[in-house]
Amino acid sequence: MGRATLADIKGKNFSELAKETKTNTEDTNKVSNTNKNRKSTSSDSKGKKSRRRHRKMMIPAPVEVSRVQRLFDTCKDVFALSRTGIVPTPDKIEQLRAVLDEFQPADVGLTPQMPFFSPPVTRRAPPITYLHIHECEKFSMGIFCLPPSGVLPLHNHPGMTVFSKLLFGTMHIKSYDWVVDVPSNASAAVDPSQTVEHPEVRLAKVKVDSDFTSPCNASILYPADGGNMHCFTAVTACAVLDVLGPPYSDPEGRHCTYYFDYPLTRFTVGVTVPEEEKDKYAWLQGREKPEDLAVVGALYTGPEIVEN
């Protein structure tokens, strides 16, 4: 359509102009209302977005769970049925091992520069520091801190499942399991000065006799396997995170016993072992707690545990 001229406009009478004006006004009002609706819709949309942002701001950020807390929660699950001689199922064992394998010294507030790990200044056996984290009737959690040449003498874990995670350093571990179906008493051949309190000796087989250097996977021992009697010797300063299920308890028969170990050739009681395997066996004799063993307690300063 061509553009309207002034003459064309003047050629229309007033009634027609009035109708056109009304129509134009209605159209204008419609446009105005549409704009208002758009503004209202836009305002509502902005309000909804603002409220959503406000709700997001009000939702608390997720709290990161510390590894120690995760370990505690896992132990509660794994050792829920814990009692003497009861071993968790294989899937539970792997569940706990996986948690321990992730641990670093910083996860428990440790650094090798702490005074627990200072080299000894005398020739006496250096003291070992124990950091208590948690203990209940089902399990215990703690850390042994050994300075160079520190030794945890050969000892047992009766009816217990034990996880040990080397956090840093190098440690020599020697462990044994009892050999079954062999004579268990050879006291007649033992030096009388060593048999006053514990005359009996028993045959045991070496399970582990090696150096371990962090990082390495957690080791596990069981009531009758895995090296239930073990000795720790610090090659360098080191720290070991220990989880015991159930923990030691004298009233429940889980008493810690220390041992002497003697070469297989020390006693002869009719045990036949091939010559090339003789170094894999030893005689163990119970003893009192070594007089030079000093284990001192110190405050655990790592992340706290929430017992929920």
Protein backbone atom coordinates (compact mmCIF):
# COMPACT_ATOMS: atom_id res chain seq x y z
CA MET A 1 0.00 0.00 0.00
CA GLY A 2 1.20 3.55 -0.83
CA ARG A 3 1.91 6.13 1.83
CA ALA A 4 -1.26 8.18 2.86
CA THR A 5 -1.20 11.91 2.01
CA LEU A 6 -2.60 14.84 3.96
CA ALA A 7 -5.36 15.09 1.37
CA ASP A 8 -6.36 11.52 1.94
CA ILE A 9 -6.59 12.14 5.65
CA LYS A 10 -8.67 15.32 5.17
CA GLY A 11 -11.00 13.44 2.83
CA LYS A 12 -12.26 11.30 5.74
CA ASN A 13 -15.20 12.61 7.77
CA PHE A 14 -15.10 13.03 11.51
CA SER A 15 -16.97 9.82 12.25
CA GLU A 16 -14.44 7.82 10.39
CA LEU A 17 -11.64 9.65 12.16
CA ALA A 18 -13.31 8.95 15.47
CA LYS A 19 -13.55 5.23 14.72
CA GLU A 20 -9.94 5.14 13.58
CA THR A 21 -8.86 7.09 16.64
CA LYS A 22 -10.74 4.66 18.92
CA THR A 23 -9.23 1.69 17.13
CA ASN A 24 -5.79 3.21 17.33
CA THR A 25 -6.33 3.98 21.01
CA GLU A 26 -7.46 0.41 21.69
CA ASP A 27 -4.43 -0.88 19.79
CA THR A 28 -2.22 1.47 21.77
CA ASN A 29 -3.81 0.28 25.02
CA LYS A 30 -3.29 -3.32 23.95
CA VAL A 31 0.35 -2.61 23.25
CA SER A 32 0.63 -0.78 26.55
CA ASN A 33 -1.01 -3.65 28.42
CA THR A 34 1.21 -6.11 26.59
CA ASN A 35 4.25 -4.11 27.65
CA LYS A 36 2.94 -4.03 31.22
CA ASN A 37 2.40 -7.77 31.11
CA ARG A 38 5.88 -8.23 29.74
CA LYS A 39 7.31 -6.03 32.47
CA SER A 40 5.27 -7.90 35.05
CA THR A 41 6.39 -11.25 33.65
CA SER A 42 9.97 -10.03 33.54
CA SER A 43 9.69 -8.76 37.12
CA ASP A 44 8.22 -12.08 38.28
CA SER A 45 11.00 -13.94 36.50
CA LYS A 46 13.64 -11.76 38.14
CA GLY A 47 11.96 -12.31 41.50
CA LYS A 48 11.98 -16.07 41.07
CA LYS A 49 15.64 -16.04 40.09
CA SER A 50 16.41 -13.84 43.08
CA ARG A 51 14.55 -16.21 45.40
CA ARG A 52 16.37 -19.19 43.89
CA ARG A 53 19.71 -17.45 44.41
CA HIS A 54 18.69 -16.65 47.97
CA ARG A 55 17.74 -20.27 48.63
CA LYS A 56 21.07 -21.42 47.20
CA MET A 57 22.85 -18.97 49.47
CA MET A 58 20.92 -20.29 52.47
CA ILE A 59 21.79 -23.97 51.78
CA PRO A 60 24.92 -24.73 53.84
CA ALA A 61 27.96 -25.88 51.93
CA PRO A 62 28.70 -29.60 52.33
CA VAL A 63 31.13 -30.27 55.20
CA GLU A 64 34.20 -32.22 54.17
CA VAL A 65 34.56 -35.35 56.28
CA SER A 66 38.08 -35.93 57.59
CA ARG A 67 39.81 -39.23 56.88
CA VAL A 68 39.94 -39.93 60.61
CA GLN A 69 36.18 -39.51 60.82
CA ARG A 70 35.74 -41.77 57.80
CA LEU A 71 38.00 -44.35 59.46
CA PHE A 72 35.99 -44.19 62.67
CA ASP A 73 32.69 -44.59 60.82
CA THR A 74 34.09 -47.50 58.82
CA CYS A 75 35.38 -49.22 61.96
CA LYS A 76 31.94 -48.94 63.55
CA ASP A 77 30.53 -50.81 60.56
CA VAL A 78 33.32 -53.36 60.10
CA PHE A 79 33.60 -54.24 63.80
CA ALA A 80 29.89 -54.08 64.64
CA LEU A 81 29.92 -57.78 65.62
CA SER A 82 33.47 -57.75 66.97
CA ARG A 83 34.44 -60.12 69.77
CA THR A 84 37.31 -62.50 70.53
CA GLY A 85 38.18 -64.67 67.55
CA ILE A 86 35.56 -63.16 65.22
CA VAL A 87 37.07 -62.01 61.91
CA PRO A 88 35.16 -59.51 59.72
CA THR A 89 33.97 -60.77 56.34
CA PRO A 90 36.36 -60.36 53.38
CA ASP A 91 34.37 -57.47 51.92
CA LYS A 92 34.49 -55.65 55.25
CA ILE A 93 38.23 -56.30 55.49
CA GLU A 94 38.77 -54.71 52.08
CA GLN A 95 36.48 -51.82 52.95
CA LEU A 96 38.61 -50.88 55.95
CA ARG A 97 41.90 -51.53 54.17
CA ALA A 98 40.87 -49.16 51.36
CA VAL A 99 40.22 -46.36 53.86
CA LEU A 100 43.56 -46.89 55.61
CA ASP A 101 45.53 -47.03 52.38
CA GLU A 102 44.59 -43.39 51.68
CA PHE A 103 46.10 -42.06 54.91
CA GLN A 104 48.91 -39.51 54.98
CA PRO A 105 50.69 -38.15 58.09
CA ALA A 106 48.86 -34.83 57.77
CA ASP A 107 45.51 -36.64 58.07
CA VAL A 108 46.30 -37.32 61.74
CA GLY A 109 48.22 -34.10 62.42
CA LEU A 110 51.71 -35.62 62.22
CA THR A 111 55.00 -34.42 60.74
CA PRO A 112 58.40 -36.16 60.95
CA GLN A 113 59.77 -33.05 62.68
CA MET A 114 57.77 -33.65 65.87
CA PRO A 115 59.80 -34.39 69.01
CA PHE A 116 58.47 -37.98 69.23
CA PHE A 117 60.71 -38.85 66.28
CA SER A 118 63.99 -37.31 67.45
CA PRO A 119 67.00 -39.65 67.45
CA PRO A 120 67.94 -41.02 70.89
CA VAL A 121 70.65 -39.16 72.80
CA THR A 122 71.65 -42.17 74.90
CA ARG A 123 72.33 -45.82 74.23
CA ARG A 124 69.22 -46.86 76.09
CA ALA A 125 66.20 -48.02 74.13
CA PRO A 126 64.44 -44.86 72.96
CA PRO A 127 60.89 -44.32 74.24
CA ILE A 128 57.96 -44.96 71.91
CA THR A 129 55.05 -42.55 71.92
CA TYR A 130 51.45 -43.69 71.63
CA LEU A 131 48.74 -41.27 70.46
CA HIS A 132 45.33 -42.51 71.57
CA ILE A 133 42.57 -41.67 69.09
CA HIS A 134 39.64 -43.84 70.16
CA GLU A 135 38.81 -47.02 72.05
CA CYS A 136 35.55 -48.83 72.75
CA GLU A 137 34.65 -52.45 73.44
CA LYS A 138 34.56 -53.18 69.69
CA PHE A 139 37.75 -51.57 68.39
CA SER A 140 40.59 -49.17 69.09
CA MET A 141 42.48 -46.62 66.98
CA GLY A 142 45.90 -45.20 67.81
CA ILE A 143 49.33 -44.25 66.46
CA PHE A 144 52.73 -45.57 67.48
CA CYS A 145 55.50 -43.01 66.95
CA LEU A 146 58.97 -44.58 66.82
CA PRO A 147 62.29 -42.69 66.72
CA PRO A 148 65.19 -44.28 64.82
CA SER A 149 66.11 -47.69 66.34
CA GLY A 150 62.92 -47.73 68.39
CA VAL A 151 61.58 -51.26 68.97
CA LEU A 152 58.16 -52.68 69.80
CA PRO A 153 59.24 -56.14 71.02
CA LEU A 154 57.68 -59.36 69.78
CA HIS A 155 54.13 -59.58 71.13
CA ASN A 156 50.77 -61.18 70.30
CA HIS A 157 47.18 -60.13 69.53
CA PRO A 158 45.00 -62.94 70.94
CA GLY A 159 41.69 -63.38 69.11
CA MET A 160 42.13 -60.04 67.34
CA THR A 161 42.15 -58.70 63.79
CA VAL A 162 44.72 -55.92 63.43
CA PHE A 163 45.29 -53.37 60.65
CA SER A 164 48.61 -51.47 60.57
CA LYS A 165 49.27 -48.56 58.22
CA LEU A 166 52.83 -47.18 57.99
CA LEU A 167 52.35 -43.42 57.65
CA PHE A 168 55.95 -42.49 56.95
CA GLY A 169 59.49 -43.80 57.34
CA THR A 170 61.02 -47.27 57.07
CA MET A 171 60.28 -50.10 59.48
CA HIS A 172 61.43 -53.70 59.77
CA ILE A 173 58.63 -56.12 60.60
CA LYS A 174 59.15 -59.66 61.75
CA SER A 175 56.08 -61.74 62.44
CA TYR A 176 55.11 -65.31 63.26
CA ASP A 177 52.11 -67.62 63.34
CA TRP A 178 51.85 -70.72 65.51
CA VAL A 179 52.53 -74.08 63.92
CA VAL A 180 49.85 -76.61 64.81
CA ASP A 181 50.16 -80.36 65.44
CA VAL A 182 53.67 -80.28 66.91
CA PRO A 183 54.93 -80.79 70.47
CA SER A 184 54.22 -77.57 72.36
CA ASN A 185 56.50 -78.04 75.42
CA ALA A 186 60.28 -78.29 75.35
CA SER A 187 61.02 -76.74 78.72
CA ALA A 188 63.51 -79.40 79.70
CA ALA A 189 65.93 -78.07 77.11
CA VAL A 190 65.54 -74.40 78.01
CA ASP A 191 68.00 -72.45 80.15
CA PRO A 192 66.51 -72.67 83.70
CA SER A 193 67.20 -68.97 84.31
CA GLN A 194 64.73 -68.17 81.55
CA THR A 195 61.96 -70.55 82.59
CA VAL A 196 60.95 -69.26 86.00
CA GLU A 197 57.78 -67.52 84.78
CA HIS A 198 57.24 -68.98 81.30
CA PRO A 199 58.79 -72.44 80.90
CA GLU A 200 56.88 -73.49 77.78
CA VAL A 201 58.05 -72.85 74.25
CA ARG A 202 56.06 -73.28 71.06
CA LEU A 203 57.02 -73.71 67.46
CA ALA A 204 56.12 -70.82 65.18
CA LYS A 205 56.64 -70.13 61.49
CA VAL A 206 57.96 -66.84 60.14
CA LYS A 207 55.28 -64.98 58.21
CA VAL A 208 57.12 -61.73 57.44
CA ASP A 209 60.74 -60.66 57.85
CA SER A 210 61.21 -57.55 55.73
CA ASP A 211 61.70 -53.79 55.61
CA PHE A 212 58.67 -51.68 54.69
CA THR A 213 58.90 -48.10 53.46
CA SER A 214 56.02 -45.66 53.20
CA PRO A 215 53.96 -45.31 51.07
CA CYS A 216 52.77 -48.89 51.26
CA ASN A 217 49.46 -50.67 51.78
CA ALA A 218 48.12 -51.47 55.21
CA SER A 219 49.06 -54.89 56.58
CA ILE A 220 46.50 -57.15 58.27
CA LEU A 221 46.93 -59.91 60.83
CA TYR A 222 44.27 -62.32 62.05
CA PRO A 223 43.74 -64.43 65.17
CA ALA A 224 45.46 -67.48 63.62
CA ASP A 225 47.12 -66.12 60.49
CA GLY A 226 48.88 -63.15 58.94
CA GLY A 227 51.62 -62.93 61.57
CA ASN A 228 49.68 -62.60 64.83
CA MET A 229 52.93 -62.24 66.81
CA HIS A 230 55.05 -59.40 65.48
CA CYS A 231 57.97 -57.11 66.27
CA PHE A 232 58.44 -53.58 64.91
CA THR A 233 61.93 -52.05 64.56
CA ALA A 234 62.30 -48.49 63.30
CA VAL A 235 64.98 -48.29 60.60
CA THR A 236 64.25 -44.57 60.37
CA ALA A 237 61.81 -42.45 62.35
CA CYS A 238 58.35 -43.76 61.53
CA ALA A 239 54.70 -43.75 62.55
CA VAL A 240 52.18 -46.59 62.43
CA LEU A 241 48.42 -46.15 62.56
CA ASP A 242 46.98 -49.22 64.31
CA VAL A 243 43.37 -50.42 64.32
CA LEU A 244 42.54 -53.37 66.59
CA GLY A 245 39.26 -55.24 66.65
CA PRO A 246 38.49 -56.08 69.35
CA PRO A 247 41.08 -54.26 71.51
CA TYR A 248 43.16 -55.77 74.30
CA SER A 249 41.11 -56.69 77.37
CA ASP A 250 42.42 -58.70 80.32
CA PRO A 251 38.91 -59.54 81.66
CA GLU A 252 37.97 -60.99 78.25
CA GLY A 253 41.20 -62.96 77.89
CA ARG A 254 42.92 -60.67 75.39
CA HIS A 255 46.14 -60.08 77.32
CA CYS A 256 49.27 -58.84 75.57
CA THR A 257 52.07 -61.40 75.88
CA TYR A 258 55.70 -60.72 74.94
CA TYR A 259 58.05 -63.39 73.58
CA PHE A 260 61.65 -64.46 73.18
CA ASP A 261 62.35 -66.09 69.84
CA TYR A 262 64.97 -68.81 69.47
CA PRO A 263 66.36 -70.51 66.35
CA LEU A 264 64.81 -73.84 65.46
CA THR A 265 68.11 -75.59 66.19
CA ARG A 266 68.05 -74.39 69.81
CA PHE A 267 65.75 -77.26 70.87
CA THR A 268 65.28 -80.78 69.54
CA VAL A 269 61.90 -82.35 70.23
CA GLY A 270 61.40 -84.57 67.22
CA VAL A 271 60.35 -81.83 64.81
CA THR A 272 61.49 -82.58 61.28
CA VAL A 273 62.03 -79.58 58.99
CA PRO A 274 64.00 -79.58 55.72
CA GLU A 275 67.41 -77.98 56.13
CA GLU A 276 66.68 -75.18 53.64
CA GLU A 277 63.54 -74.17 55.59
CA LYS A 278 64.93 -74.15 59.11
CA ASP A 279 65.40 -70.38 59.08
CA LYS A 280 61.65 -70.04 58.49
CA TYR A 281 60.82 -71.47 61.92
CA ALA A 282 61.56 -70.43 65.48
CA TRP A 283 60.72 -71.35 69.06
CA LEU A 284 58.77 -68.69 70.94
CA GLN A 285 58.82 -68.46 74.70
CA GLY A 286 56.54 -66.18 76.66
CA ARG A 287 58.18 -63.53 78.83
CA GLU A 288 57.30 -60.61 81.04
CA LYS A 289 57.11 -57.14 79.55
CA PRO A 290 60.69 -56.08 78.76
CA GLU A 291 62.08 -53.76 81.42
CA ASP A 292 63.65 -51.45 78.86
CA LEU A 293 60.40 -50.99 76.93
CA ALA A 294 59.12 -47.46 77.44
CA VAL A 295 55.83 -46.51 75.80
CA VAL A 296 54.56 -43.08 76.78
CA GLY A 297 51.24 -41.50 75.98
CA ALA A 298 50.86 -38.12 74.29
CA LEU A 299 47.92 -36.00 73.23
CA TYR A 300 46.50 -36.71 69.81
CA THR A 301 46.19 -33.35 68.02
CA GLY A 302 44.70 -34.41 64.69
CA PRO A 303 41.11 -33.91 63.48
CA GLU A 304 38.45 -34.68 66.06
CA ILE A 305 36.03 -37.56 65.82
CA VAL A 306 32.29 -37.01 66.11
CA GLU A 307 30.67 -40.02 67.74
CA ASN A 308 27.19 -39.90 66.21
